[in-house]
Amino acid sequence: MESISSQQNDHDHILRPRAVKPGNPMVLRAQSEERGLKPNGTSEIPFSGISSGRSTPLPPDAPPSVQSISSARKQIRAQQKHRLFPTIDYSARVSHFDPKSEYRDFRGFFVLFWIGLAIMVITTMLRNIKDTGYPLRVTVWALLTENTWQLGLSDLVMVTSTGLSLPLQKLFRQSNGTLRWVSFGISVQSIFQITWLILWVNWPFMLNWTWTAQVFFTLHTLVLLMKMHSYAFYNGHLSETEHRLSALDNPANASTAAAVRYPSSSTHLNEIDNEKEEKKVADEEEALRQLREDLALELTSPLGQVTYPQNLTLANYVDYILCPTLCYELEYPRTEKRQWMELFYKTLAVFGCIFLLTITSEEFIVPVLRESALRLEGVRRLSDKGLILAEGISLLLFPFMVTFLLVFLVIFEYVLGAFAEITCFADRHFYSDWWNSCDWLEFSREWNIPVHHFLRRHVYGASRPYVSRNMATLITFLISAFLHELVMGCITKKLRGYGFLAQMLQLPIVALQRTKFVRGRTLFNVSDDFTRSRRDCNGVDADQSFRTFASGFP
């Protein structure tokens, strides 16, 4: 007995095929009609496809021909294997919404958002038909359509008036005296921009427009101001660069200081702060040659097809005004052709979003504001007023969130996308994934990239060589806060300082988020590991972000 048991133990490592249980008669009868099974459960075909999942392994010294045949048979059996109950392949995986998931395609929720808005519109129309007999209310729509002709003509004149920057730049370039850019040209351009801004900001007040028309006109005024400023100051910089390059033909009387390049839109602020243009070159001829190359390179577009002053044309200026960007460059990357159907869809989406904004304001914002105003007039106690305000704000939070999303889409996805299609503007990175932002700095840097580039290039980057980092940051915040207060003043027609205060409060908020108690912690968003990986990919760590937080405010 001991010998028998020892023999069994010696062969325990061999995997033996398990015996197949007798088949179900009903199942075998059904399969026999399709696969040719005999009544006794055997098959007429060589392999039934029903296997225990194990096979007798080949001996280690099997010849290659036998191993090849065995491998081929296994492949055929795997292809023919059919189970009555299909097997499920389980593996270690995470869900799509898990912070560790690499899945990033959630376009279905974008479609679901529009489906939800469509349901909201249908429900609202049915309720209005029941209450008033009409599908839509027209109070807000009448507000939007008032002063339309005046708005259109005034906007056209305002856009045309920015074209004065082109002859001014030609004048500054041709002058060798007091009207050169560094002499008196900057002052002339600055006076023109300030006068232009004061005129067009006061224009809606003089014509007594509605607040909707006034807000649109003011926002467009600020956009054109930033465009005009970028065009003038970048071309002014290039005119001085051209003067320096021409003066190097007579090096004895020319400045040989290192070339100062205008910060590009892809340069981080910490790179601007740390950039060293001075080079130690032993040979003066080599230094002079290098300076000429640097100046010539500055006068040439990054794509190498346009050189200053070839860009000082009316066609180039009109093209720049239409391009969806706030930072002027000699040349932009372009698509091969326009996609007219894409332009049609984006134009249709603009009017669709305006319609949805009207419905949201008419049904969920105006009634709450009207009712809250009436209730506040009838109470005197502070506690009652506080309760009414708290209730009104809570009822307005969701429609305001929908309004914010619709305004974001209509501006950054559809309006800018339509102008990009018209001008064949290839770089359509108008926003980043701000919905994954983990702090205020990251959100403000990613939700409005055109303004972020302008503030970084023309405010922080331009003031940094003359003032300290903290002062440049303060200047950036002050300008951004002033523009926000200007828009708020157009809505309320009063300067209360709410927009200015709200914008300046971002300074202590960002400083708090940079402290060791808050830094690296996330709430209602992605995990710390994912946050760090995003920052590593962007090339900016937490300390660098704090030094550059002035550059990202809308």
Protein backbone atom coordinates (compact mmCIF):
# COMPACT_ATOMS: atom_id res chain seq x y z
CA MET A 1 0.00 0.00 0.00
CA GLU A 2 2.81 2.35 0.81
CA SER A 3 4.31 1.74 -2.65
CA ILE A 4 0.99 2.47 -4.34
CA SER A 5 0.52 5.70 -2.39
CA SER A 6 4.09 6.78 -3.14
CA GLN A 7 3.49 6.18 -6.84
CA GLN A 8 0.36 8.30 -6.72
CA ASN A 9 2.25 11.10 -5.00
CA ASP A 10 4.95 10.95 -7.68
CA HIS A 11 2.33 11.59 -10.38
CA ASP A 12 0.30 14.27 -8.58
CA HIS A 13 1.98 17.04 -10.55
CA ILE A 14 0.58 15.71 -13.85
CA LEU A 15 -2.60 17.52 -15.00
CA ARG A 16 -5.17 15.00 -16.21
CA PRO A 17 -8.28 15.82 -18.24
CA ARG A 18 -11.43 15.78 -16.17
CA ALA A 19 -14.25 13.47 -17.14
CA VAL A 20 -17.06 15.14 -19.07
CA LYS A 21 -20.43 14.85 -17.40
CA PRO A 22 -23.29 13.33 -19.42
CA GLY A 23 -24.91 16.04 -21.49
CA ASN A 24 -28.42 17.40 -20.90
CA PRO A 25 -30.73 15.43 -23.26
CA MET A 26 -32.71 18.55 -24.21
CA VAL A 27 -29.58 20.53 -24.95
CA LEU A 28 -27.97 17.69 -26.89
CA ARG A 29 -31.11 17.23 -28.94
CA ALA A 30 -31.16 20.92 -29.86
CA GLN A 31 -27.46 20.92 -30.69
CA SER A 32 -27.69 17.73 -32.74
CA GLU A 33 -29.87 19.57 -35.25
CA GLU A 34 -27.30 22.33 -35.70
CA ARG A 35 -23.92 20.70 -35.14
CA GLY A 36 -24.48 17.08 -36.08
CA LEU A 37 -24.38 15.47 -32.60
CA LYS A 38 -25.31 11.82 -32.32
CA PRO A 39 -28.10 10.79 -29.92
CA ASN A 40 -25.55 9.39 -27.46
CA GLY A 41 -23.89 12.79 -27.08
CA THR A 42 -20.88 12.15 -29.32
CA SER A 43 -20.12 14.36 -32.28
CA GLU A 44 -19.62 13.54 -35.90
CA ILE A 45 -17.04 16.32 -36.22
CA PRO A 46 -13.50 15.70 -34.98
CA PHE A 47 -13.73 18.07 -31.97
CA SER A 48 -16.85 18.89 -30.03
CA GLY A 49 -15.67 22.21 -28.63
CA ILE A 50 -16.57 21.08 -25.08
CA SER A 51 -13.40 20.77 -23.03
CA SER A 52 -12.40 20.69 -19.42
CA GLY A 53 -9.94 23.48 -20.10
CA ARG A 54 -6.92 21.23 -19.47
CA SER A 55 -4.83 19.02 -21.70
CA THR A 56 -2.03 16.54 -21.13
CA PRO A 57 1.24 18.46 -21.39
CA LEU A 58 3.90 17.45 -23.86
CA PRO A 59 7.03 15.82 -22.50
CA PRO A 60 10.03 18.16 -22.27
CA ASP A 61 11.96 16.20 -24.87
CA ALA A 62 9.20 16.27 -27.51
CA PRO A 63 10.55 17.02 -31.01
CA PRO A 64 9.81 20.45 -32.53
CA SER A 65 7.40 18.97 -35.07
CA VAL A 66 5.23 17.52 -32.30
CA GLN A 67 5.32 20.83 -30.38
CA SER A 68 4.20 22.71 -33.50
CA ILE A 69 1.29 20.33 -34.06
CA SER A 70 0.24 20.63 -30.42
CA SER A 71 0.35 24.42 -30.59
CA ALA A 72 -1.75 24.44 -33.76
CA ARG A 73 -4.34 22.12 -32.17
CA LYS A 74 -4.57 24.39 -29.14
CA GLN A 75 -5.23 27.41 -31.34
CA ILE A 76 -7.95 25.58 -33.26
CA ARG A 77 -9.57 24.38 -30.02
CA ALA A 78 -9.49 27.94 -28.67
CA GLN A 79 -11.22 29.23 -31.80
CA GLN A 80 -13.89 26.50 -31.72
CA LYS A 81 -14.54 26.68 -27.99
CA HIS A 82 -18.17 27.63 -27.30
CA ARG A 83 -19.71 27.48 -23.86
CA LEU A 84 -23.37 27.34 -22.97
CA PHE A 85 -22.65 30.05 -20.35
CA PRO A 86 -19.99 32.46 -21.72
CA THR A 87 -17.03 33.07 -19.47
CA ILE A 88 -16.28 36.54 -18.09
CA ASP A 89 -12.75 37.85 -18.22
CA TYR A 90 -11.94 39.45 -14.87
CA SER A 91 -8.84 41.54 -14.24
CA ALA A 92 -7.64 44.27 -11.88
CA ARG A 93 -9.26 47.45 -13.24
CA VAL A 94 -10.68 50.70 -11.88
CA SER A 95 -13.93 52.43 -12.78
CA HIS A 96 -14.08 55.34 -15.25
CA PHE A 97 -14.73 57.89 -12.49
CA ASP A 98 -11.98 56.60 -10.24
CA PRO A 99 -9.22 59.21 -9.71
CA LYS A 100 -6.63 56.62 -10.82
CA SER A 101 -8.45 55.93 -14.08
CA GLU A 102 -6.77 56.95 -17.32
CA TYR A 103 -10.12 57.26 -19.09
CA ARG A 104 -10.70 60.86 -20.14
CA ASP A 105 -13.47 60.70 -22.77
CA PHE A 106 -16.72 61.88 -21.19
CA ARG A 107 -18.36 63.36 -24.26
CA GLY A 108 -21.52 61.46 -23.44
CA PHE A 109 -22.06 63.81 -20.50
CA PHE A 110 -21.72 66.75 -22.91
CA VAL A 111 -24.54 65.23 -24.97
CA LEU A 112 -26.49 64.54 -21.78
CA PHE A 113 -26.14 68.21 -20.84
CA TRP A 114 -27.85 69.25 -24.07
CA ILE A 115 -30.53 66.60 -23.63
CA GLY A 116 -31.24 67.98 -20.15
CA LEU A 117 -31.54 71.52 -21.52
CA ALA A 118 -33.88 70.29 -24.26
CA ILE A 119 -36.08 68.66 -21.60
CA MET A 120 -36.02 71.94 -19.65
CA VAL A 121 -37.14 73.92 -22.71
CA ILE A 122 -39.96 71.49 -23.56
CA THR A 123 -41.21 71.43 -19.98
CA THR A 124 -41.09 75.23 -19.77
CA MET A 125 -42.98 75.66 -23.02
CA LEU A 126 -45.71 73.25 -21.91
CA ARG A 127 -46.06 75.05 -18.59
CA ASN A 128 -46.27 78.43 -20.33
CA ILE A 129 -48.94 77.14 -22.71
CA LYS A 130 -50.93 75.94 -19.70
CA ASP A 131 -50.57 79.23 -17.78
CA THR A 132 -50.60 81.91 -20.51
CA GLY A 133 -51.59 80.18 -23.74
CA TYR A 134 -48.21 81.02 -25.31
CA PRO A 135 -45.12 78.77 -25.37
CA LEU A 136 -42.60 81.51 -24.49
CA ARG A 137 -42.42 84.71 -22.49
CA VAL A 138 -40.95 87.71 -24.25
CA THR A 139 -39.76 90.04 -21.47
CA VAL A 140 -36.05 89.18 -21.72
CA TRP A 141 -36.26 88.71 -25.49
CA ALA A 142 -37.58 92.27 -25.87
CA LEU A 143 -34.69 93.44 -23.70
CA LEU A 144 -32.18 91.70 -25.95
CA THR A 145 -33.62 93.01 -29.21
CA GLU A 146 -33.80 96.65 -28.10
CA ASN A 147 -31.19 99.07 -29.56
CA THR A 148 -30.10 96.40 -32.07
CA TRP A 149 -29.49 98.75 -35.01
CA GLN A 150 -27.71 101.33 -32.90
CA LEU A 151 -25.58 98.58 -31.37
CA GLY A 152 -24.60 97.15 -34.76
CA LEU A 153 -23.68 100.49 -36.33
CA SER A 154 -21.79 101.68 -33.24
CA ASP A 155 -19.88 98.44 -33.07
CA LEU A 156 -18.89 98.73 -36.72
CA VAL A 157 -17.62 102.28 -36.22
CA MET A 158 -15.73 101.24 -33.09
CA VAL A 159 -13.99 98.36 -34.90
CA THR A 160 -13.09 100.67 -37.79
CA SER A 161 -11.64 103.28 -35.43
CA THR A 162 -9.04 100.80 -34.18
CA GLY A 163 -7.50 100.86 -37.67
CA LEU A 164 -5.82 104.16 -36.80
CA SER A 165 -3.12 102.04 -35.15
CA LEU A 166 -1.82 100.97 -38.58
CA PRO A 167 -0.88 104.47 -39.94
CA LEU A 168 0.50 105.35 -36.51
CA GLN A 169 2.84 102.36 -36.66
CA LYS A 170 3.99 103.33 -40.15
CA LEU A 171 4.64 106.85 -38.88
CA PHE A 172 6.64 105.62 -35.89
CA ARG A 173 8.71 103.33 -38.12
CA GLN A 174 9.62 106.00 -40.66
CA SER A 175 10.49 108.62 -38.06
CA ASN A 176 14.06 109.07 -36.88
CA GLY A 177 13.33 111.85 -34.41
CA THR A 178 10.80 112.53 -31.68
CA LEU A 179 8.10 110.30 -33.19
CA ARG A 180 10.16 107.13 -32.92
CA TRP A 181 8.54 104.47 -30.77
CA VAL A 182 10.93 104.77 -27.83
CA SER A 183 10.95 108.58 -27.97
CA PHE A 184 7.39 109.84 -28.24
CA GLY A 185 5.59 107.03 -30.06
CA ILE A 186 4.65 105.13 -26.90
CA SER A 187 3.08 108.27 -25.43
CA VAL A 188 1.09 109.00 -28.60
CA GLN A 189 -0.21 105.43 -28.77
CA SER A 190 -1.09 105.39 -25.05
CA ILE A 191 -2.97 108.71 -25.27
CA PHE A 192 -4.87 107.40 -28.30
CA GLN A 193 -5.84 104.19 -26.49
CA ILE A 194 -6.99 105.99 -23.33
CA THR A 195 -9.06 108.49 -25.33
CA TRP A 196 -10.51 105.68 -27.43
CA LEU A 197 -11.46 103.68 -24.31
CA ILE A 198 -13.13 106.64 -22.56
CA LEU A 199 -15.16 107.49 -25.66
CA TRP A 200 -16.54 104.03 -26.33
CA VAL A 201 -17.17 103.12 -22.68
CA ASN A 202 -19.32 106.25 -22.28
CA TRP A 203 -21.05 105.78 -25.63
CA PRO A 204 -23.81 103.39 -24.37
CA PHE A 205 -24.48 105.71 -21.40
CA MET A 206 -24.93 108.67 -23.73
CA LEU A 207 -27.42 106.73 -25.87
CA ASN A 208 -29.18 105.24 -22.80
CA TRP A 209 -28.97 101.63 -23.95
CA THR A 210 -30.30 98.63 -22.05
CA TRP A 211 -27.86 96.83 -19.78
CA THR A 212 -27.69 93.79 -22.10
CA ALA A 213 -26.57 95.89 -25.09
CA GLN A 214 -24.24 97.85 -22.86
CA VAL A 215 -22.53 94.75 -21.45
CA PHE A 216 -22.00 93.27 -24.93
CA PHE A 217 -20.63 96.56 -26.26
CA THR A 218 -18.32 97.04 -23.26
CA LEU A 219 -16.95 93.50 -23.50
CA HIS A 220 -16.24 93.97 -27.20
CA THR A 221 -14.63 97.32 -26.41
CA LEU A 222 -12.24 95.63 -23.97
CA VAL A 223 -11.44 92.90 -26.50
CA LEU A 224 -10.59 95.44 -29.18
CA LEU A 225 -8.54 97.48 -26.68
CA MET A 226 -6.39 94.43 -25.87
CA LYS A 227 -6.03 93.60 -29.57
CA MET A 228 -5.05 97.17 -30.42
CA HIS A 229 -2.58 97.34 -27.54
CA SER A 230 -0.90 94.07 -28.54
CA TYR A 231 -0.68 95.15 -32.19
CA ALA A 232 0.78 98.56 -31.38
CA PHE A 233 3.30 97.56 -28.74
CA TYR A 234 4.58 94.48 -30.55
CA ASN A 235 5.06 96.38 -33.81
CA GLY A 236 6.63 99.24 -31.88
CA HIS A 237 9.11 96.77 -30.42
CA LEU A 238 9.83 95.44 -33.93
CA SER A 239 10.35 98.96 -35.31
CA GLU A 240 13.02 99.61 -32.68
CA THR A 241 14.58 96.24 -33.44
CA GLU A 242 14.75 97.18 -37.13
CA HIS A 243 16.36 100.53 -36.26
CA ARG A 244 19.00 98.75 -34.19
CA LEU A 245 19.72 96.26 -36.97
CA SER A 246 20.13 99.06 -39.51
CA ALA A 247 22.37 101.00 -37.13
CA LEU A 248 24.73 98.01 -36.88
CA ASP A 249 25.82 98.71 -40.46
CA ASN A 250 27.94 101.36 -38.77
CA PRO A 251 28.94 99.59 -35.53
CA ALA A 252 31.05 102.45 -34.25
CA ASN A 253 27.99 104.58 -33.39
CA ALA A 254 25.50 101.75 -32.70
CA SER A 255 24.47 100.11 -29.45
CA THR A 256 25.88 96.62 -29.00
CA ALA A 257 23.71 95.68 -26.01
CA ALA A 258 22.16 92.25 -26.12
CA ALA A 259 18.86 91.90 -27.99
CA VAL A 260 15.78 91.92 -25.81
CA ARG A 261 13.13 89.65 -27.26
CA TYR A 262 9.44 90.24 -26.70
CA PRO A 263 8.04 87.38 -24.54
CA SER A 264 6.26 84.78 -26.64
CA SER A 265 2.91 83.28 -25.69
CA SER A 266 4.55 79.94 -24.85
CA THR A 267 7.12 81.35 -22.43
CA HIS A 268 6.53 80.79 -18.73
CA LEU A 269 6.89 83.80 -16.48
CA ASN A 270 9.57 82.14 -14.43
CA GLU A 271 11.51 81.73 -17.68
CA ILE A 272 11.09 85.45 -18.33
CA ASP A 273 12.37 86.24 -14.86
CA ASN A 274 15.38 83.94 -15.16
CA GLU A 275 16.21 84.54 -18.82
CA LYS A 276 19.74 85.79 -19.41
CA GLU A 277 20.39 87.32 -22.80
CA GLU A 278 23.94 88.45 -22.11
CA LYS A 279 26.54 86.14 -23.60
CA LYS A 280 30.21 86.10 -22.95
CA VAL A 281 31.92 86.19 -26.30
CA ALA A 282 35.64 86.81 -26.47
CA ASP A 283 35.72 88.05 -30.05
CA GLU A 284 33.93 91.36 -30.68
CA GLU A 285 33.27 90.45 -34.32
CA GLU A 286 31.60 87.24 -33.22
CA ALA A 287 29.51 89.18 -30.69
CA LEU A 288 28.46 91.64 -33.39
CA ARG A 289 27.54 88.84 -35.78
CA GLN A 290 25.51 87.12 -33.06
CA LEU A 291 23.68 90.36 -32.28
CA ARG A 292 22.76 90.83 -35.92
CA GLU A 293 21.41 87.29 -36.07
CA ASP A 294 19.35 87.80 -32.90
CA LEU A 295 17.84 91.03 -34.20
CA ALA A 296 17.08 89.54 -37.62
CA LEU A 297 15.51 86.51 -35.96
CA GLU A 298 13.28 88.80 -33.90
CA LEU A 299 12.03 90.49 -37.08
CA THR A 300 11.03 87.16 -38.65
CA SER A 301 7.88 85.22 -37.83
CA PRO A 302 8.22 81.84 -36.07
CA LEU A 303 7.00 80.12 -39.24
CA GLY A 304 9.62 81.98 -41.30
CA GLN A 305 7.32 83.32 -44.03
CA VAL A 306 6.75 86.94 -42.90
CA THR A 307 9.37 89.54 -41.97
CA TYR A 308 8.74 92.96 -40.46
CA PRO A 309 7.70 95.43 -41.97
CA GLN A 310 5.90 93.24 -44.56
CA ASN A 311 3.07 92.84 -42.04
CA LEU A 312 2.20 96.56 -41.92
CA THR A 313 -0.66 96.26 -44.40
CA LEU A 314 -4.41 96.76 -44.17
CA ALA A 315 -5.08 93.13 -45.10
CA ASN A 316 -2.84 91.89 -42.29
CA TYR A 317 -4.56 94.17 -39.76
CA VAL A 318 -8.08 93.12 -40.80
CA ASP A 319 -7.03 89.48 -40.63
CA TYR A 320 -5.65 90.02 -37.11
CA ILE A 321 -8.87 91.74 -35.96
CA LEU A 322 -10.88 88.72 -37.15
CA CYS A 323 -8.52 86.10 -35.69
CA PRO A 324 -9.66 84.70 -32.31
CA THR A 325 -6.60 85.86 -30.37
CA LEU A 326 -5.59 88.84 -28.23
CA CYS A 327 -1.84 88.61 -28.86
CA TYR A 328 -0.45 89.83 -32.16
CA GLU A 329 2.10 87.79 -34.09
CA LEU A 330 3.61 88.28 -37.52
CA GLU A 331 2.12 85.00 -38.65
CA TYR A 332 -0.25 82.33 -37.32
CA PRO A 333 -0.58 78.64 -38.18
CA ARG A 334 -3.45 78.08 -40.60
CA THR A 335 -5.66 75.22 -41.71
CA GLU A 336 -5.66 74.21 -45.36
CA LYS A 337 -9.28 75.20 -46.06
CA ARG A 338 -12.49 76.29 -44.43
CA GLN A 339 -15.04 73.69 -43.36
CA TRP A 340 -18.30 75.41 -44.26
CA MET A 341 -20.54 72.87 -42.56
CA GLU A 342 -18.55 73.27 -39.35
CA LEU A 343 -18.97 77.04 -39.62
CA PHE A 344 -22.70 76.57 -40.17
CA TYR A 345 -23.06 74.32 -37.11
CA LYS A 346 -21.13 76.72 -34.89
CA THR A 347 -23.17 79.70 -36.08
CA LEU A 348 -26.37 77.75 -35.42
CA ALA A 349 -25.07 76.81 -31.97
CA VAL A 350 -24.46 80.49 -31.13
CA PHE A 351 -28.12 81.37 -31.70
CA GLY A 352 -29.20 78.18 -29.95
CA CYS A 353 -27.21 79.09 -26.85
CA ILE A 354 -28.63 82.62 -26.88
CA PHE A 355 -32.12 81.10 -27.03
CA LEU A 356 -31.33 78.84 -24.06
CA LEU A 357 -29.87 81.79 -22.13
CA THR A 358 -33.07 83.70 -22.76
CA ILE A 359 -35.23 80.80 -21.53
CA THR A 360 -33.07 80.34 -18.42
CA SER A 361 -33.20 84.04 -17.54
CA GLU A 362 -36.91 84.36 -18.30
CA GLU A 363 -38.07 81.35 -16.33
CA PHE A 364 -35.57 80.84 -13.51
CA ILE A 365 -33.75 84.13 -12.81
CA VAL A 366 -36.06 87.10 -13.43
CA PRO A 367 -39.02 85.69 -11.42
CA VAL A 368 -36.77 85.01 -8.41
CA LEU A 369 -35.27 88.49 -8.54
CA ARG A 370 -38.70 90.12 -8.93
CA GLU A 371 -40.22 88.16 -6.07
CA SER A 372 -37.24 88.75 -3.76
CA ALA A 373 -37.36 92.50 -4.47
CA LEU A 374 -41.06 92.67 -3.58
CA ARG A 375 -40.57 90.68 -0.37
CA LEU A 376 -37.63 92.83 0.71
CA GLU A 377 -39.75 95.96 0.43
CA GLY A 378 -42.23 94.63 2.98
CA VAL A 379 -39.82 93.66 5.78
CA ARG A 380 -37.82 95.75 8.19
CA ARG A 381 -35.98 93.26 10.38
CA LEU A 382 -32.43 92.35 9.41
CA SER A 383 -33.01 88.65 10.11
CA ASP A 384 -36.00 88.54 7.74
CA LYS A 385 -34.00 90.28 5.01
CA GLY A 386 -31.17 87.81 5.52
CA LEU A 387 -33.54 84.87 5.13
CA ILE A 388 -35.02 86.32 1.95
CA LEU A 389 -31.57 86.93 0.49
CA ALA A 390 -30.40 83.43 1.44
CA GLU A 391 -33.46 81.86 -0.15
CA GLY A 392 -33.12 83.94 -3.30
CA ILE A 393 -29.42 83.13 -3.68
CA SER A 394 -30.06 79.41 -3.17
CA LEU A 395 -32.74 79.48 -5.90
CA LEU A 396 -30.42 81.33 -8.26
CA LEU A 397 -27.35 79.11 -7.85
CA PHE A 398 -28.40 76.42 -10.32
CA PRO A 399 -29.68 78.75 -13.10
CA PHE A 400 -26.53 80.86 -12.67
CA MET A 401 -24.41 77.73 -13.09
CA VAL A 402 -26.31 76.83 -16.28
CA THR A 403 -25.90 80.42 -17.49
CA PHE A 404 -22.15 80.30 -16.83
CA LEU A 405 -21.78 77.06 -18.79
CA LEU A 406 -23.83 78.40 -21.70
CA VAL A 407 -21.89 81.68 -21.80
CA PHE A 408 -18.62 79.74 -21.68
CA LEU A 409 -19.72 77.52 -24.56
CA VAL A 410 -21.09 80.31 -26.73
CA ILE A 411 -17.90 82.39 -26.39
CA PHE A 412 -15.00 79.95 -26.24
CA GLU A 413 -16.36 77.05 -28.26
CA TYR A 414 -18.75 78.52 -30.82
CA VAL A 415 -17.99 82.23 -31.38
CA LEU A 416 -14.20 81.83 -31.26
CA GLY A 417 -14.48 78.56 -33.16
CA ALA A 418 -16.55 80.22 -35.88
CA PHE A 419 -14.02 83.05 -36.30
CA ALA A 420 -11.22 80.48 -36.32
CA GLU A 421 -13.01 78.71 -39.15
CA ILE A 422 -13.51 81.97 -41.07
CA THR A 423 -9.83 82.94 -40.80
CA CYS A 424 -8.49 79.34 -41.01
CA PHE A 425 -6.87 79.96 -37.62
CA ALA A 426 -5.36 76.60 -36.69
CA ASP A 427 -4.61 77.06 -32.96
CA ARG A 428 -8.00 76.58 -31.31
CA HIS A 429 -6.80 75.98 -27.78
CA PHE A 430 -9.08 78.64 -26.30
CA TYR A 431 -9.52 76.84 -22.98
CA SER A 432 -8.08 73.93 -21.11
CA ASP A 433 -9.74 71.39 -18.80
CA TRP A 434 -10.67 73.92 -16.13
CA TRP A 435 -13.31 71.49 -14.82
CA ASN A 436 -10.43 69.39 -13.44
CA SER A 437 -8.87 72.36 -11.63
CA CYS A 438 -7.93 71.77 -8.00
CA ASP A 439 -7.35 75.38 -6.92
CA TRP A 440 -8.32 78.90 -7.95
CA LEU A 441 -5.01 79.60 -9.62
CA GLU A 442 -5.30 76.62 -11.93
CA PHE A 443 -8.90 77.47 -12.83
CA SER A 444 -8.18 81.11 -13.63
CA ARG A 445 -5.21 80.06 -15.77
CA GLU A 446 -7.10 77.51 -17.85
CA TRP A 447 -10.68 78.67 -18.41
CA ASN A 448 -9.77 81.76 -20.49
CA ILE A 449 -6.48 81.15 -22.27
CA PRO A 450 -6.56 84.17 -24.67
CA VAL A 451 -6.83 86.63 -21.76
CA HIS A 452 -4.30 84.62 -19.78
CA HIS A 453 -1.78 84.95 -22.62
CA PHE A 454 -2.44 88.69 -22.92
CA LEU A 455 -1.97 89.39 -19.20
CA ARG A 456 1.16 87.28 -19.05
CA ARG A 457 2.71 88.85 -22.14
CA HIS A 458 1.63 92.50 -22.06
CA VAL A 459 1.07 93.22 -18.37
CA TYR A 460 3.20 91.01 -16.15
CA GLY A 461 5.92 90.27 -18.69
CA ALA A 462 6.10 93.87 -19.93
CA SER A 463 6.28 95.41 -16.44
CA ARG A 464 8.63 92.84 -14.90
CA PRO A 465 11.90 94.38 -16.28
CA TYR A 466 11.09 97.70 -14.59
CA VAL A 467 9.52 96.70 -11.26
CA SER A 468 9.82 93.89 -8.75
CA ARG A 469 7.93 90.65 -9.02
CA ASN A 470 5.45 91.61 -6.31
CA MET A 471 4.77 94.99 -7.90
CA ALA A 472 4.26 93.40 -11.33
CA THR A 473 1.81 90.97 -9.72
CA LEU A 474 -0.06 93.83 -8.06
CA ILE A 475 -0.25 95.76 -11.33
CA THR A 476 -1.71 92.72 -13.08
CA PHE A 477 -4.34 92.28 -10.39
CA LEU A 478 -5.24 95.97 -10.35
CA ILE A 479 -5.78 96.10 -14.12
CA SER A 480 -7.84 92.91 -14.07
CA ALA A 481 -9.90 94.15 -11.11
CA PHE A 482 -10.52 97.51 -12.79
CA LEU A 483 -11.83 95.82 -15.95
CA HIS A 484 -14.13 93.56 -13.93
CA GLU A 485 -15.51 96.55 -12.03
CA LEU A 486 -16.08 98.32 -15.35
CA VAL A 487 -18.25 95.46 -16.60
CA MET A 488 -20.16 95.33 -13.30
CA GLY A 489 -20.73 99.08 -13.54
CA CYS A 490 -22.27 98.64 -16.99
CA ILE A 491 -24.74 96.09 -15.56
CA THR A 492 -25.78 98.10 -12.50
CA LYS A 493 -24.91 101.55 -13.96
CA LYS A 494 -23.26 102.26 -10.63
CA LEU A 495 -19.67 101.89 -9.48
CA ARG A 496 -20.02 100.06 -6.17
CA GLY A 497 -16.64 98.33 -6.14
CA TYR A 498 -18.08 94.80 -5.95
CA GLY A 499 -16.20 93.52 -9.00
CA PHE A 500 -12.98 95.21 -7.93
CA LEU A 501 -13.20 93.78 -4.41
CA ALA A 502 -14.08 90.27 -5.62
CA GLN A 503 -11.12 90.28 -7.99
CA MET A 504 -8.64 91.53 -5.38
CA LEU A 505 -9.86 88.92 -2.88
CA GLN A 506 -8.25 86.33 -5.12
CA LEU A 507 -4.83 87.42 -3.82
CA PRO A 508 -5.36 86.15 -0.24
CA ILE A 509 -7.25 83.09 -1.53
CA VAL A 510 -4.34 82.07 -3.77
CA ALA A 511 -1.86 82.82 -0.98
CA LEU A 512 -3.89 80.58 1.36
CA GLN A 513 -3.96 77.78 -1.19
CA ARG A 514 -0.17 77.97 -1.48
CA THR A 515 0.38 77.38 2.24
CA LYS A 516 1.54 74.00 3.53
CA PHE A 517 -1.82 73.41 5.22
CA VAL A 518 -3.80 73.58 1.96
CA ARG A 519 -1.27 72.85 -0.78
CA GLY A 520 -1.68 69.40 -2.32
CA ARG A 521 -5.14 68.84 -0.84
CA THR A 522 -8.11 68.47 -3.14
CA LEU A 523 -11.84 68.46 -2.58
CA PHE A 524 -14.61 67.30 -4.91
CA ASN A 525 -12.11 66.71 -7.69
CA VAL A 526 -9.12 64.57 -8.66
CA SER A 527 -6.60 62.97 -6.35
CA ASP A 528 -3.29 64.39 -5.19
CA ASP A 529 -1.29 62.01 -7.40
CA PHE A 530 -3.21 63.08 -10.49
CA THR A 531 -2.82 66.75 -9.55
CA ARG A 532 0.95 66.38 -9.25
CA SER A 533 1.16 64.53 -12.55
CA ARG A 534 -0.80 67.29 -14.29
CA ARG A 535 1.52 69.92 -12.90
CA ASP A 536 4.58 67.92 -13.83
CA CYS A 537 3.27 67.63 -17.38
CA ASN A 538 2.69 71.36 -17.53
CA GLY A 539 6.24 71.97 -16.37
CA VAL A 540 5.19 74.22 -13.49
CA ASP A 541 5.36 73.11 -9.87
CA ALA A 542 3.54 74.67 -6.93
CA ASP A 543 6.21 77.23 -6.07
CA GLN A 544 6.56 78.32 -9.67
CA SER A 545 2.79 78.60 -9.95
CA PHE A 546 2.69 80.93 -6.96
CA ARG A 547 5.30 83.16 -8.55
CA THR A 548 3.25 83.32 -11.74
CA PHE A 549 -0.30 83.44 -10.44
CA ALA A 550 -0.82 86.98 -11.69
CA SER A 551 -0.89 85.81 -15.27
CA GLY A 552 -4.07 83.82 -15.30
CA PHE A 553 -7.07 85.95 -14.44
CA PRO A 554 -9.97 86.47 -16.82
